[in-house]
Every structure is written in structure tokens, then in C-alpha cells.
């Protein structure tokens, strides 16, 4: 029987601490704070965390060929 090895990196949390958010984006914590425009969310208890979905949108926007979808443009106009 043939075998294959699969290595997956799964982020188990949606809301990330600063160090985890920086690592998720491939940046140091200092570079993350200096370059990432994604605002942290203030959670109950006063803790700040970054939403993985917001980080993903920012990263997608960094791609050269990335264009906002029609839905994204409409949502921005509604905001």
C-alpha cells in the first residue's frame, strides 16, 4: 500500500495575539505593527486581537494583480 505524508499548518484560532498575527503574515512583531493597516479588535477584558479574515483580505490586497470584487466595492461605499 502506498503512503503519502501530508504536512498541514492549521491556525486553530480566528482571533490572534500580536505575535501570532505577525507570524501569520510572515512578519516580525515590529514590522507587523509598522506596516499592517489592519486594526486590532478590542475584545472583552481589554485584550487586543487581530481577525484572521481581516489579515487575509489585507494580504490578498497586496498581490499585484489583486482587484477588489464588486461586492467589496459596494460594501466600501455603504460604510
Protein backbone atom coordinates (compact mmCIF):
# COMPACT_ATOMS: atom_id res chain seq x y z
CA UNK A 1 0.00 0.00 0.00
CA UNK A 2 1.38 3.42 -0.97
CA UNK A 3 1.76 6.07 1.72
CA UNK A 4 1.91 9.81 1.48
CA UNK A 5 2.86 12.34 4.10
CA UNK A 6 0.80 15.50 4.35
CA UNK A 7 2.03 18.42 6.45
CA UNK A 8 -0.65 20.96 7.24
CA UNK A 9 -0.26 24.20 9.12
CA UNK A 10 -3.64 24.97 10.63
CA UNK A 11 -4.39 28.13 12.57
CA UNK A 12 -6.86 26.97 15.23
CA UNK A 13 -7.99 30.44 16.28
CA UNK A 14 -9.70 33.20 14.37
CA UNK A 15 -8.52 36.00 16.66
CA UNK A 16 -4.75 36.26 17.03
CA UNK A 17 -2.46 37.97 19.52
CA UNK A 18 0.04 40.44 18.03
CA UNK A 19 2.93 37.95 17.88
CA UNK A 20 0.71 35.29 16.30
CA UNK A 21 -0.78 37.76 13.81
CA UNK A 22 2.71 38.90 12.82
CA UNK A 23 3.86 35.31 12.38
CA UNK A 24 0.72 34.50 10.38
CA UNK A 25 1.64 37.35 7.99
CA UNK A 26 5.28 36.30 7.86
CA UNK A 27 6.50 39.45 9.61
CA UNK A 28 8.29 40.28 12.82
CA UNK A 29 6.10 41.87 15.51
CA UNK A 30 7.84 45.22 14.95
CA UNK A 31 7.39 45.09 11.18
CA UNK A 32 3.80 43.95 11.59
CA UNK A 33 2.92 46.97 13.74
CA UNK A 34 4.74 49.34 11.39
CA UNK A 35 3.25 48.01 8.13
CA UNK A 36 -0.07 46.30 8.75
CA UNK A 37 -3.04 48.67 8.41
CA UNK A 38 -5.47 46.12 9.85
CA UNK A 39 -6.80 47.45 13.16
CA UNK A 40 -6.91 45.21 16.19
CA UNK A 41 -10.29 44.31 17.66
CA UNK A 42 -10.79 45.16 21.31
CA UNK A 43 -12.09 42.03 22.98
CA UNK A 44 -13.92 41.84 26.32
CA UNK A 45 -11.43 42.30 29.10
CA UNK A 46 -9.44 44.86 27.13
CA UNK A 47 -7.35 42.40 25.12
CA UNK A 48 -6.50 43.35 21.52
CA UNK A 49 -6.56 40.70 18.81
CA UNK A 50 -6.38 40.61 15.03
CA UNK A 51 -9.02 38.83 12.95
CA UNK A 52 -7.55 36.26 10.55
CA UNK A 53 -10.18 37.14 7.95
CA UNK A 54 -9.14 40.82 8.01
CA UNK A 55 -5.48 39.83 7.73
CA UNK A 56 -6.29 37.57 4.78
CA UNK A 57 -8.07 40.44 2.97
CA UNK A 58 -5.08 42.73 3.54
CA UNK A 59 -2.65 40.10 2.24
CA UNK A 60 -4.82 39.47 -0.83
CA UNK A 61 -4.82 43.21 -1.49
CA UNK A 62 -1.02 43.24 -1.53
CA UNK A 63 -0.90 40.99 -4.55
CA UNK A 64 -0.07 42.83 -7.77
CA UNK A 65 -2.99 41.52 -9.75
CA UNK A 66 -5.47 41.79 -6.91
CA UNK A 67 -8.55 43.81 -7.75
CA UNK A 68 -11.42 44.45 -5.34
CA UNK A 69 -14.53 42.48 -6.17
CA UNK A 70 -17.78 44.23 -6.99
CA UNK A 71 -19.14 43.18 -3.59
CA UNK A 72 -16.10 44.65 -1.81
CA UNK A 73 -16.53 47.95 -3.65
CA UNK A 74 -20.23 48.10 -2.78
CA UNK A 75 -19.51 47.33 0.86
CA UNK A 76 -16.91 50.11 0.99
CA UNK A 77 -19.41 52.57 -0.49
CA UNK A 78 -22.01 51.57 2.10
CA UNK A 79 -19.58 52.05 5.02
